[in-house]
Amino acid sequence: MKTEEVSKTKEVTQKIQLVKGEFTPSEAAHIVTNLIDEKINFHKLQRLQVWEGDHKRETNQLDNRIEELEKEKTIAKEYIKSLRASGKNLTINGTLEISAVK
């Protein structure tokens, strides 16, 4: 009987627990809004860098992502606002997963 060694490549993923816990509605709104705003600002800076390099270059993809994030922020704020009247706290669990692009 012949034994063959099979080599498998395991994809390494780094996980970062960014947010985890129970928060008041005000705290939750602050956390969620700030996280989304940071991502929006990141894309706005990217758009500005693209524009500075070439004033005629399209930025539709970045514009669309900014718009999506603005909508998500509005949805999150409305959801948190709807729970505020109940007097309940909220839990937030936000994990970043980072892995290499194949």
PDB file of N, CA and C in Angstrom:
ATOM      1  N   MET A   1       0.843  -1.173   0.000  1.00  0.00           N
ATOM      2  CA  MET A   1       0.000   0.000   0.000  1.00  0.00           C
ATOM      3  C   MET A   1       0.887   1.233   0.000  1.00  0.00           C
ATOM      4  N   LYS A   2       0.576   2.162  -0.858  1.00  0.00           N
ATOM      5  CA  LYS A   2       1.361   3.385  -0.987  1.00  0.00           C
ATOM      6  C   LYS A   2       0.651   4.522  -0.263  1.00  0.00           C
ATOM      7  N   THR A   3       1.387   5.257   0.526  1.00  0.00           N
ATOM      8  CA  THR A   3       0.833   6.387   1.258  1.00  0.00           C
ATOM      9  C   THR A   3       1.248   7.670   0.560  1.00  0.00           C
ATOM     10  N   GLU A   4       0.285   8.497   0.268  1.00  0.00           N
ATOM     11  CA  GLU A   4       0.579   9.789  -0.351  1.00  0.00           C
ATOM     12  C   GLU A   4       0.236  10.901   0.618  1.00  0.00           C
ATOM     13  N   GLU A   5       1.087  11.864   0.630  1.00  0.00           N
ATOM     14  CA  GLU A   5       0.834  13.025   1.480  1.00  0.00           C
ATOM     15  C   GLU A   5       0.124  14.075   0.651  1.00  0.00           C
ATOM     16  N   VAL A   6      -0.996  14.461   1.125  1.00  0.00           N
ATOM     17  CA  VAL A   6      -1.773  15.494   0.440  1.00  0.00           C
ATOM     18  C   VAL A   6      -1.526  16.804   1.171  1.00  0.00           C
ATOM     19  N   SER A   7      -1.045  17.767   0.428  1.00  0.00           N
ATOM     20  CA  SER A   7      -0.816  19.067   1.067  1.00  0.00           C
ATOM     21  C   SER A   7      -2.046  19.935   0.864  1.00  0.00           C
ATOM     22  N   LYS A   8      -2.498  20.458   1.940  1.00  0.00           N
ATOM     23  CA  LYS A   8      -3.659  21.350   1.897  1.00  0.00           C
ATOM     24  C   LYS A   8      -3.205  22.727   2.343  1.00  0.00           C
ATOM     25  N   THR A   9      -3.683  23.711   1.645  1.00  0.00           N
ATOM     26  CA  THR A   9      -3.374  25.071   2.064  1.00  0.00           C
ATOM     27  C   THR A   9      -4.551  25.590   2.869  1.00  0.00           C
ATOM     28  N   LYS A  10      -4.247  26.018   4.032  1.00  0.00           N
ATOM     29  CA  LYS A  10      -5.277  26.548   4.916  1.00  0.00           C
ATOM     30  C   LYS A  10      -5.257  28.068   4.824  1.00  0.00           C
ATOM     31  N   GLU A  11      -6.410  28.618   4.558  1.00  0.00           N
ATOM     32  CA  GLU A  11      -6.508  30.072   4.475  1.00  0.00           C
ATOM     33  C   GLU A  11      -6.510  30.643   5.887  1.00  0.00           C
ATOM     34  N   VAL A  12      -5.627  31.558   6.111  1.00  0.00           N
ATOM     35  CA  VAL A  12      -5.520  32.179   7.423  1.00  0.00           C
ATOM     36  C   VAL A  12      -6.400  33.424   7.443  1.00  0.00           C
ATOM     37  N   THR A  13      -7.225  33.486   8.440  1.00  0.00           N
ATOM     38  CA  THR A  13      -8.105  34.636   8.602  1.00  0.00           C
ATOM     39  C   THR A  13      -7.855  35.249   9.966  1.00  0.00           C
ATOM     40  N   GLN A  14      -7.720  36.533   9.984  1.00  0.00           N
ATOM     41  CA  GLN A  14      -7.550  37.263  11.240  1.00  0.00           C
ATOM     42  C   GLN A  14      -8.900  37.837  11.629  1.00  0.00           C
ATOM     43  N   LYS A  15      -9.293  37.591  12.861  1.00  0.00           N
ATOM     44  CA  LYS A  15     -10.561  38.131  13.348  1.00  0.00           C
ATOM     45  C   LYS A  15     -10.279  39.133  14.457  1.00  0.00           C
ATOM     46  N   ILE A  16     -10.970  40.248  14.374  1.00  0.00           N
ATOM     47  CA  ILE A  16     -10.830  41.301  15.375  1.00  0.00           C
ATOM     48  C   ILE A  16     -12.216  41.605  15.929  1.00  0.00           C
ATOM     49  N   GLN A  17     -12.369  41.423  17.223  1.00  0.00           N
ATOM     50  CA  GLN A  17     -13.640  41.734  17.878  1.00  0.00           C
ATOM     51  C   GLN A  17     -13.668  43.240  18.108  1.00  0.00           C
ATOM     52  N   LEU A  18     -14.320  43.954  17.218  1.00  0.00           N
ATOM     53  CA  LEU A  18     -14.321  45.411  17.249  1.00  0.00           C
ATOM     54  C   LEU A  18     -15.297  45.959  18.280  1.00  0.00           C
ATOM     55  N   VAL A  19     -16.485  45.396  18.311  1.00  0.00           N
ATOM     56  CA  VAL A  19     -17.511  45.850  19.252  1.00  0.00           C
ATOM     57  C   VAL A  19     -18.219  44.620  19.793  1.00  0.00           C
ATOM     58  N   LYS A  20     -18.398  44.581  21.090  1.00  0.00           N
ATOM     59  CA  LYS A  20     -19.163  43.491  21.694  1.00  0.00           C
ATOM     60  C   LYS A  20     -19.657  43.957  23.045  1.00  0.00           C
ATOM     61  N   GLY A  21     -20.964  43.934  23.214  1.00  0.00           N
ATOM     62  CA  GLY A  21     -21.485  44.307  24.517  1.00  0.00           C
ATOM     63  C   GLY A  21     -22.914  44.784  24.471  1.00  0.00           C
ATOM     64  N   GLU A  22     -23.358  45.184  25.645  1.00  0.00           N
ATOM     65  CA  GLU A  22     -24.707  45.710  25.818  1.00  0.00           C
ATOM     66  C   GLU A  22     -24.607  47.219  25.987  1.00  0.00           C
ATOM     67  N   PHE A  23     -25.484  47.933  25.285  1.00  0.00           N
ATOM     68  CA  PHE A  23     -25.416  49.385  25.279  1.00  0.00           C
ATOM     69  C   PHE A  23     -26.811  49.984  25.399  1.00  0.00           C
ATOM     70  N   THR A  24     -26.864  51.189  25.936  1.00  0.00           N
ATOM     71  CA  THR A  24     -28.119  51.930  25.923  1.00  0.00           C
ATOM     72  C   THR A  24     -28.401  52.324  24.475  1.00  0.00           C
ATOM     73  N   PRO A  25     -29.636  52.659  24.152  1.00  0.00           N
ATOM     74  CA  PRO A  25     -29.917  53.095  22.781  1.00  0.00           C
ATOM     75  C   PRO A  25     -29.053  54.284  22.345  1.00  0.00           C
ATOM     76  N   SER A  26     -28.799  55.212  23.251  1.00  0.00           N
ATOM     77  CA  SER A  26     -27.959  56.371  22.901  1.00  0.00           C
ATOM     78  C   SER A  26     -26.537  55.938  22.587  1.00  0.00           C
ATOM     79  N   GLU A  27     -25.996  55.056  23.421  1.00  0.00           N
ATOM     80  CA  GLU A  27     -24.637  54.553  23.183  1.00  0.00           C
ATOM     81  C   GLU A  27     -24.575  53.765  21.879  1.00  0.00           C
ATOM     82  N   ALA A  28     -25.582  52.927  21.650  1.00  0.00           N
ATOM     83  CA  ALA A  28     -25.620  52.120  20.428  1.00  0.00           C
ATOM     84  C   ALA A  28     -25.685  53.007  19.189  1.00  0.00           C
ATOM     85  N   ALA A  29     -26.523  54.031  19.235  1.00  0.00           N
ATOM     86  CA  ALA A  29     -26.631  54.955  18.104  1.00  0.00           C
ATOM     87  C   ALA A  29     -25.300  55.641  17.845  1.00  0.00           C
ATOM     88  N   HIS A  30     -24.633  56.043  18.911  1.00  0.00           N
ATOM     89  CA  HIS A  30     -23.336  56.713  18.789  1.00  0.00           C
ATOM     90  C   HIS A  30     -22.300  55.777  18.158  1.00  0.00           C
ATOM     91  N   ILE A  31     -22.238  54.547  18.636  1.00  0.00           N
ATOM     92  CA  ILE A  31     -21.265  53.578  18.123  1.00  0.00           C
ATOM     93  C   ILE A  31     -21.518  53.277  16.652  1.00  0.00           C
ATOM     94  N   VAL A  32     -22.752  52.937  16.323  1.00  0.00           N
ATOM     95  CA  VAL A  32     -23.088  52.557  14.952  1.00  0.00           C
ATOM     96  C   VAL A  32     -22.880  53.727  13.996  1.00  0.00           C
ATOM     97  N   THR A  33     -23.342  54.898  14.387  1.00  0.00           N
ATOM     98  CA  THR A  33     -23.183  56.083  13.538  1.00  0.00           C
ATOM     99  C   THR A  33     -21.714  56.386  13.287  1.00  0.00           C
ATOM    100  N   ASN A  34     -20.901  56.335  14.327  1.00  0.00           N
ATOM    101  CA  ASN A  34     -19.480  56.635  14.161  1.00  0.00           C
ATOM    102  C   ASN A  34     -18.761  55.608  13.298  1.00  0.00           C
ATOM    103  N   LEU A  35     -19.089  54.332  13.456  1.00  0.00           N
ATOM    104  CA  LEU A  35     -18.459  53.304  12.623  1.00  0.00           C
ATOM    105  C   LEU A  35     -18.811  53.497  11.151  1.00  0.00           C
ATOM    106  N   ILE A  36     -20.083  53.731  10.876  1.00  0.00           N
ATOM    107  CA  ILE A  36     -20.503  53.927   9.487  1.00  0.00           C
ATOM    108  C   ILE A  36     -19.924  55.224   8.930  1.00  0.00           C
ATOM    109  N   ASP A  37     -19.904  56.286   9.733  1.00  0.00           N
ATOM    110  CA  ASP A  37     -19.324  57.555   9.278  1.00  0.00           C
ATOM    111  C   ASP A  37     -17.845  57.403   8.923  1.00  0.00           C
ATOM    112  N   GLU A  38     -17.113  56.613   9.688  1.00  0.00           N
ATOM    113  CA  GLU A  38     -15.695  56.381   9.378  1.00  0.00           C
ATOM    114  C   GLU A  38     -15.542  55.727   8.014  1.00  0.00           C
ATOM    115  N   LYS A  39     -16.383  54.750   7.730  1.00  0.00           N
ATOM    116  CA  LYS A  39     -16.321  54.064   6.443  1.00  0.00           C
ATOM    117  C   LYS A  39     -16.733  55.002   5.306  1.00  0.00           C
ATOM    118  N   ILE A  40     -17.730  55.832   5.535  1.00  0.00           N
ATOM    119  CA  ILE A  40     -18.139  56.818   4.533  1.00  0.00           C
ATOM    120  C   ILE A  40     -16.988  57.780   4.253  1.00  0.00           C
ATOM    121  N   ASN A  41     -16.356  58.268   5.297  1.00  0.00           N
ATOM    122  CA  ASN A  41     -15.231  59.191   5.121  1.00  0.00           C
ATOM    123  C   ASN A  41     -14.075  58.538   4.381  1.00  0.00           C
ATOM    124  N   PHE A  42     -13.833  57.258   4.636  1.00  0.00           N
ATOM    125  CA  PHE A  42     -12.792  56.523   3.919  1.00  0.00           C
ATOM    126  C   PHE A  42     -13.070  56.550   2.417  1.00  0.00           C
ATOM    127  N   HIS A  43     -14.311  56.267   2.038  1.00  0.00           N
ATOM    128  CA  HIS A  43     -14.667  56.255   0.617  1.00  0.00           C
ATOM    129  C   HIS A  43     -14.653  57.661   0.016  1.00  0.00           C
ATOM    130  N   LYS A  44     -15.009  58.661   0.791  1.00  0.00           N
ATOM    131  CA  LYS A  44     -14.941  60.038   0.297  1.00  0.00           C
ATOM    132  C   LYS A  44     -13.498  60.446   0.026  1.00  0.00           C
ATOM    133  N   LEU A  45     -12.589  60.038   0.892  1.00  0.00           N
ATOM    134  CA  LEU A  45     -11.169  60.326   0.663  1.00  0.00           C
ATOM    135  C   LEU A  45     -10.657  59.598  -0.570  1.00  0.00           C
ATOM    136  N   GLN A  46     -11.082  58.356  -0.751  1.00  0.00           N
ATOM    137  CA  GLN A  46     -10.700  57.615  -1.953  1.00  0.00           C
ATOM    138  C   GLN A  46     -11.197  58.334  -3.200  1.00  0.00           C
ATOM    139  N   ARG A  47     -12.436  58.794  -3.152  1.00  0.00           N
ATOM    140  CA  ARG A  47     -13.032  59.504  -4.290  1.00  0.00           C
ATOM    141  C   ARG A  47     -12.256  60.779  -4.596  1.00  0.00           C
ATOM    142  N   LEU A  48     -11.871  61.502  -3.551  1.00  0.00           N
ATOM    143  CA  LEU A  48     -11.090  62.723  -3.737  1.00  0.00           C
ATOM    144  C   LEU A  48      -9.729  62.419  -4.360  1.00  0.00           C
ATOM    145  N   GLN A  49      -9.091  61.349  -3.915  1.00  0.00           N
ATOM    146  CA  GLN A  49      -7.793  60.966  -4.473  1.00  0.00           C
ATOM    147  C   GLN A  49      -7.917  60.595  -5.947  1.00  0.00           C
ATOM    148  N   VAL A  50      -8.984  59.892  -6.292  1.00  0.00           N
ATOM    149  CA  VAL A  50      -9.226  59.538  -7.692  1.00  0.00           C
ATOM    150  C   VAL A  50      -9.431  60.803  -8.505  1.00  0.00           C
ATOM    151  N   TRP A  51     -10.235  61.711  -8.003  1.00  0.00           N
ATOM    152  CA  TRP A  51     -10.526  62.961  -8.705  1.00  0.00           C
ATOM    153  C   TRP A  51      -9.268  63.810  -8.873  1.00  0.00           C
ATOM    154  N   GLU A  52      -8.426  63.870  -7.833  1.00  0.00           N
ATOM    155  CA  GLU A  52      -7.190  64.645  -7.931  1.00  0.00           C
ATOM    156  C   GLU A  52      -6.265  64.077  -9.000  1.00  0.00           C
ATOM    157  N   GLY A  53      -6.278  62.765  -9.164  1.00  0.00           N
ATOM    158  CA  GLY A  53      -5.430  62.126 -10.168  1.00  0.00           C
ATOM    159  C   GLY A  53      -5.947  62.306 -11.580  1.00  0.00           C
ATOM    160  N   ASP A  54      -7.253  62.370 -11.737  1.00  0.00           N
ATOM    161  CA  ASP A  54      -7.866  62.492 -13.058  1.00  0.00           C
ATOM    162  C   ASP A  54      -9.277  63.048 -12.883  1.00  0.00           C
ATOM    163  N   HIS A  55      -9.447  64.329 -13.204  1.00  0.00           N
ATOM    164  CA  HIS A  55     -10.736  65.000 -13.004  1.00  0.00           C
ATOM    165  C   HIS A  55     -11.870  64.403 -13.843  1.00  0.00           C
ATOM    166  N   LYS A  56     -11.532  63.650 -14.877  1.00  0.00           N
ATOM    167  CA  LYS A  56     -12.554  63.088 -15.754  1.00  0.00           C
ATOM    168  C   LYS A  56     -12.905  61.639 -15.400  1.00  0.00           C
ATOM    169  N   ARG A  57     -12.195  61.063 -14.467  1.00  0.00           N
ATOM    170  CA  ARG A  57     -12.418  59.654 -14.120  1.00  0.00           C
ATOM    171  C   ARG A  57     -13.729  59.486 -13.353  1.00  0.00           C
ATOM    172  N   GLU A  58     -14.448  58.443 -13.688  1.00  0.00           N
ATOM    173  CA  GLU A  58     -15.727  58.144 -13.048  1.00  0.00           C
ATOM    174  C   GLU A  58     -15.511  57.649 -11.615  1.00  0.00           C
ATOM    175  N   THR A  59     -16.377  58.058 -10.727  1.00  0.00           N
ATOM    176  CA  THR A  59     -16.323  57.602  -9.335  1.00  0.00           C
ATOM    177  C   THR A  59     -17.654  56.966  -8.932  1.00  0.00           C
ATOM    178  N   ASN A  60     -18.363  56.436  -9.924  1.00  0.00           N
ATOM    179  CA  ASN A  60     -19.692  55.874  -9.667  1.00  0.00           C
ATOM    180  C   ASN A  60     -19.676  54.785  -8.605  1.00  0.00           C
ATOM    181  N   GLN A  61     -18.676  53.913  -8.651  1.00  0.00           N
ATOM    182  CA  GLN A  61     -18.620  52.815  -7.694  1.00  0.00           C
ATOM    183  C   GLN A  61     -18.482  53.350  -6.265  1.00  0.00           C
ATOM    184  N   LEU A  62     -17.616  54.321  -6.081  1.00  0.00           N
ATOM    185  CA  LEU A  62     -17.448  54.929  -4.760  1.00  0.00           C
ATOM    186  C   LEU A  62     -18.698  55.707  -4.357  1.00  0.00           C
ATOM    187  N   ASP A  63     -19.276  56.438  -5.297  1.00  0.00           N
ATOM    188  CA  ASP A  63     -20.504  57.185  -5.011  1.00  0.00           C
ATOM    189  C   ASP A  63     -21.625  56.245  -4.564  1.00  0.00           C
ATOM    190  N   ASN A  64     -21.743  55.110  -5.258  1.00  0.00           N
ATOM    191  CA  ASN A  64     -22.783  54.139  -4.912  1.00  0.00           C
ATOM    192  C   ASN A  64     -22.558  53.553  -3.524  1.00  0.00           C
ATOM    193  N   ARG A  65     -21.309  53.264  -3.188  1.00  0.00           N
ATOM    194  CA  ARG A  65     -21.015  52.693  -1.870  1.00  0.00           C
ATOM    195  C   ARG A  65     -21.309  53.707  -0.772  1.00  0.00           C
ATOM    196  N   ILE A  66     -20.974  54.960  -0.999  1.00  0.00           N
ATOM    197  CA  ILE A  66     -21.269  56.013  -0.023  1.00  0.00           C
ATOM    198  C   ILE A  66     -22.782  56.114   0.183  1.00  0.00           C
ATOM    199  N   GLU A  67     -23.522  56.075  -0.902  1.00  0.00           N
ATOM    200  CA  GLU A  67     -24.986  56.145  -0.827  1.00  0.00           C
ATOM    201  C   GLU A  67     -25.554  54.941  -0.064  1.00  0.00           C
ATOM    202  N   GLU A  68     -25.016  53.746  -0.333  1.00  0.00           N
ATOM    203  CA  GLU A  68     -25.463  52.542   0.385  1.00  0.00           C
ATOM    204  C   GLU A  68     -25.229  52.686   1.884  1.00  0.00           C
ATOM    205  N   LEU A  69     -24.059  53.173   2.248  1.00  0.00           N
ATOM    206  CA  LEU A  69     -23.731  53.331   3.664  1.00  0.00           C
ATOM    207  C   LEU A  69     -24.613  54.381   4.331  1.00  0.00           C
ATOM    208  N   GLU A  70     -24.915  55.457   3.623  1.00  0.00           N
ATOM    209  CA  GLU A  70     -25.815  56.482   4.166  1.00  0.00           C
ATOM    210  C   GLU A  70     -27.198  55.887   4.438  1.00  0.00           C
ATOM    211  N   LYS A  71     -27.687  55.046   3.517  1.00  0.00           N
ATOM    212  CA  LYS A  71     -28.983  54.392   3.709  1.00  0.00           C
ATOM    213  C   LYS A  71     -28.935  53.443   4.899  1.00  0.00           C
ATOM    214  N   GLU A  72     -27.856  52.671   5.016  1.00  0.00           N
ATOM    215  CA  GLU A  72     -27.711  51.739   6.137  1.00  0.00           C
ATOM    216  C   GLU A  72     -27.674  52.486   7.470  1.00  0.00           C
ATOM    217  N   LYS A  73     -27.032  53.634   7.474  1.00  0.00           N
ATOM    218  CA  LYS A  73     -26.972  54.442   8.692  1.00  0.00           C
ATOM    219  C   LYS A  73     -28.368  54.913   9.086  1.00  0.00           C
ATOM    220  N   THR A  74     -29.144  55.348   8.115  1.00  0.00           N
ATOM    221  CA  THR A  74     -30.514  55.789   8.380  1.00  0.00           C
ATOM    222  C   THR A  74     -31.361  54.642   8.918  1.00  0.00           C
ATOM    223  N   ILE A  75     -31.235  53.475   8.309  1.00  0.00           N
ATOM    224  CA  ILE A  75     -31.990  52.297   8.760  1.00  0.00           C
ATOM    225  C   ILE A  75     -31.612  51.939  10.194  1.00  0.00           C
ATOM    226  N   ALA A  76     -30.323  51.945  10.491  1.00  0.00           N
ATOM    227  CA  ALA A  76     -29.860  51.612  11.843  1.00  0.00           C
ATOM    228  C   ALA A  76     -30.376  52.621  12.865  1.00  0.00           C
ATOM    229  N   LYS A  77     -30.317  53.900  12.526  1.00  0.00           N
ATOM    230  CA  LYS A  77     -30.795  54.940  13.446  1.00  0.00           C
ATOM    231  C   LYS A  77     -32.295  54.794  13.711  1.00  0.00           C
ATOM    232  N   GLU A  78     -33.058  54.493  12.662  1.00  0.00           N
ATOM    233  CA  GLU A  78     -34.501  54.313  12.826  1.00  0.00           C
ATOM    234  C   GLU A  78     -34.804  53.094  13.690  1.00  0.00           C
ATOM    235  N   TYR A  79     -34.049  52.026  13.493  1.00  0.00           N
ATOM    236  CA  TYR A  79     -34.241  50.812  14.289  1.00  0.00           C
ATOM    237  C   TYR A  79     -33.959  51.086  15.763  1.00  0.00           C
ATOM    238  N   ILE A  80     -32.850  51.740  16.030  1.00  0.00           N
ATOM    239  CA  ILE A  80     -32.485  52.063  17.415  1.00  0.00           C
ATOM    240  C   ILE A  80     -33.518  53.002  18.030  1.00  0.00           C
ATOM    241  N   LYS A  81     -33.967  53.972  17.249  1.00  0.00           N
ATOM    242  CA  LYS A  81     -34.983  54.915  17.734  1.00  0.00           C
ATOM    243  C   LYS A  81     -36.275  54.187  18.101  1.00  0.00           C
ATOM    244  N   SER A  82     -36.645  53.188  17.307  1.00  0.00           N
ATOM    245  CA  SER A  82     -37.877  52.439  17.584  1.00  0.00           C
ATOM    246  C   SER A  82     -37.763  51.630  18.874  1.00  0.00           C
ATOM    247  N   LEU A  83     -36.558  51.246  19.249  1.00  0.00           N
ATOM    248  CA  LEU A  83     -36.356  50.477  20.478  1.00  0.00           C
ATOM    249  C   LEU A  83     -36.178  51.359  21.706  1.00  0.00           C
ATOM    250  N   ARG A  84     -35.851  52.609  21.476  1.00  0.00           N
ATOM    251  CA  ARG A  84     -35.603  53.533  22.591  1.00  0.00           C
ATOM    252  C   ARG A  84     -36.817  53.638  23.515  1.00  0.00           C
ATOM    253  N   ALA A  85     -38.008  53.691  22.955  1.00  0.00           N
ATOM    254  CA  ALA A  85     -39.234  53.841  23.749  1.00  0.00           C
ATOM    255  C   ALA A  85     -39.494  52.637  24.654  1.00  0.00           C
ATOM    256  N   SER A  86     -38.961  51.479  24.275  1.00  0.00           N
ATOM    257  CA  SER A  86     -39.186  50.273  25.077  1.00  0.00           C
ATOM    258  C   SER A  86     -38.349  50.263  26.351  1.00  0.00           C
ATOM    259  N   GLY A  87     -37.339  51.128  26.400  1.00  0.00           N
ATOM    260  CA  GLY A  87     -36.474  51.185  27.572  1.00  0.00           C
ATOM    261  C   GLY A  87     -35.463  50.056  27.638  1.00  0.00           C
ATOM    262  N   LYS A  88     -35.363  49.278  26.581  1.00  0.00           N
ATOM    263  CA  LYS A  88     -34.431  48.149  26.561  1.00  0.00           C
ATOM    264  C   LYS A  88     -33.061  48.572  26.053  1.00  0.00           C
ATOM    265  N   ASN A  89     -32.042  47.885  26.555  1.00  0.00           N
ATOM    266  CA  ASN A  89     -30.697  48.056  26.024  1.00  0.00           C
ATOM    267  C   ASN A  89     -30.541  47.200  24.776  1.00  0.00           C
ATOM    268  N   LEU A  90     -29.474  47.442  24.047  1.00  0.00           N
ATOM    269  CA  LEU A  90     -29.210  46.703  22.817  1.00  0.00           C
ATOM    270  C   LEU A  90     -27.851  46.029  22.923  1.00  0.00           C
ATOM    271  N   THR A  91     -27.706  44.913  22.227  1.00  0.00           N
ATOM    272  CA  THR A  91     -26.388  44.294  22.132  1.00  0.00           C
ATOM    273  C   THR A  91     -25.854  44.527  20.730  1.00  0.00           C
ATOM    274  N   ILE A  92     -24.578  44.767  20.668  1.00  0.00           N
ATOM    275  CA  ILE A  92     -23.899  44.937  19.386  1.00  0.00           C
ATOM    276  C   ILE A  92     -22.743  43.956  19.373  1.00  0.00           C
ATOM    277  N   ASN A  93     -22.627  43.222  18.279  1.00  0.00           N
ATOM    278  CA  ASN A  93     -21.523  42.298  18.099  1.00  0.00           C
ATOM    279  C   ASN A  93     -20.945  42.552  16.717  1.00  0.00           C
ATOM    280  N   GLY A  94     -19.770  43.122  16.673  1.00  0.00           N
ATOM    281  CA  GLY A  94     -19.147  43.444  15.397  1.00  0.00           C
ATOM    282  C   GLY A  94     -17.754  42.870  15.318  1.00  0.00           C
ATOM    283  N   THR A  95     -17.583  41.895  14.429  1.00  0.00           N
ATOM    284  CA  THR A  95     -16.291  41.257  14.243  1.00  0.00           C
ATOM    285  C   THR A  95     -15.794  41.544  12.839  1.00  0.00           C
ATOM    286  N   LEU A  96     -14.546  41.982  12.719  1.00  0.00           N
ATOM    287  CA  LEU A  96     -13.914  42.152  11.416  1.00  0.00           C
ATOM    288  C   LEU A  96     -13.192  40.861  11.079  1.00  0.00           C
ATOM    289  N   GLU A  97     -13.340  40.387   9.860  1.00  0.00           N
ATOM    290  CA  GLU A  97     -12.595  39.231   9.389  1.00  0.00           C
ATOM    291  C   GLU A  97     -11.686  39.693   8.267  1.00  0.00           C
ATOM    292  N   ILE A  98     -10.399  39.456   8.436  1.00  0.00           N
ATOM    293  CA  ILE A  98      -9.404  39.895   7.468  1.00  0.00           C
ATOM    294  C   ILE A  98      -8.716  38.657   6.902  1.00  0.00           C
ATOM    295  N   SER A  99      -8.677  38.553   5.575  1.00  0.00           N
ATOM    296  CA  SER A  99      -7.988  37.435   4.943  1.00  0.00           C
ATOM    297  C   SER A  99      -7.365  37.901   3.638  1.00  0.00           C
ATOM    298  N   ALA A 100      -6.410  37.137   3.177  1.00  0.00           N
ATOM    299  CA  ALA A 100      -5.704  37.481   1.947  1.00  0.00           C
ATOM    300  C   ALA A 100      -6.605  37.241   0.743  1.00  0.00           C
ATOM    301  N   VAL A 101      -6.461  38.063  -0.260  1.00  0.00           N
ATOM    302  CA  VAL A 101      -7.204  37.910  -1.505  1.00  0.00           C
ATOM    303  C   VAL A 101      -6.491  36.856  -2.342  1.00  0.00           C
ATOM    304  N   LYS A 102      -7.272  35.945  -2.889  1.00  0.00           N
ATOM    305  CA  LYS A 102      -6.684  34.867  -3.711  1.00  0.00           C
ATOM    306  C   LYS A 102      -6.324  35.372  -5.073  1.00  0.00           C
TER     307      LYS A 102
END
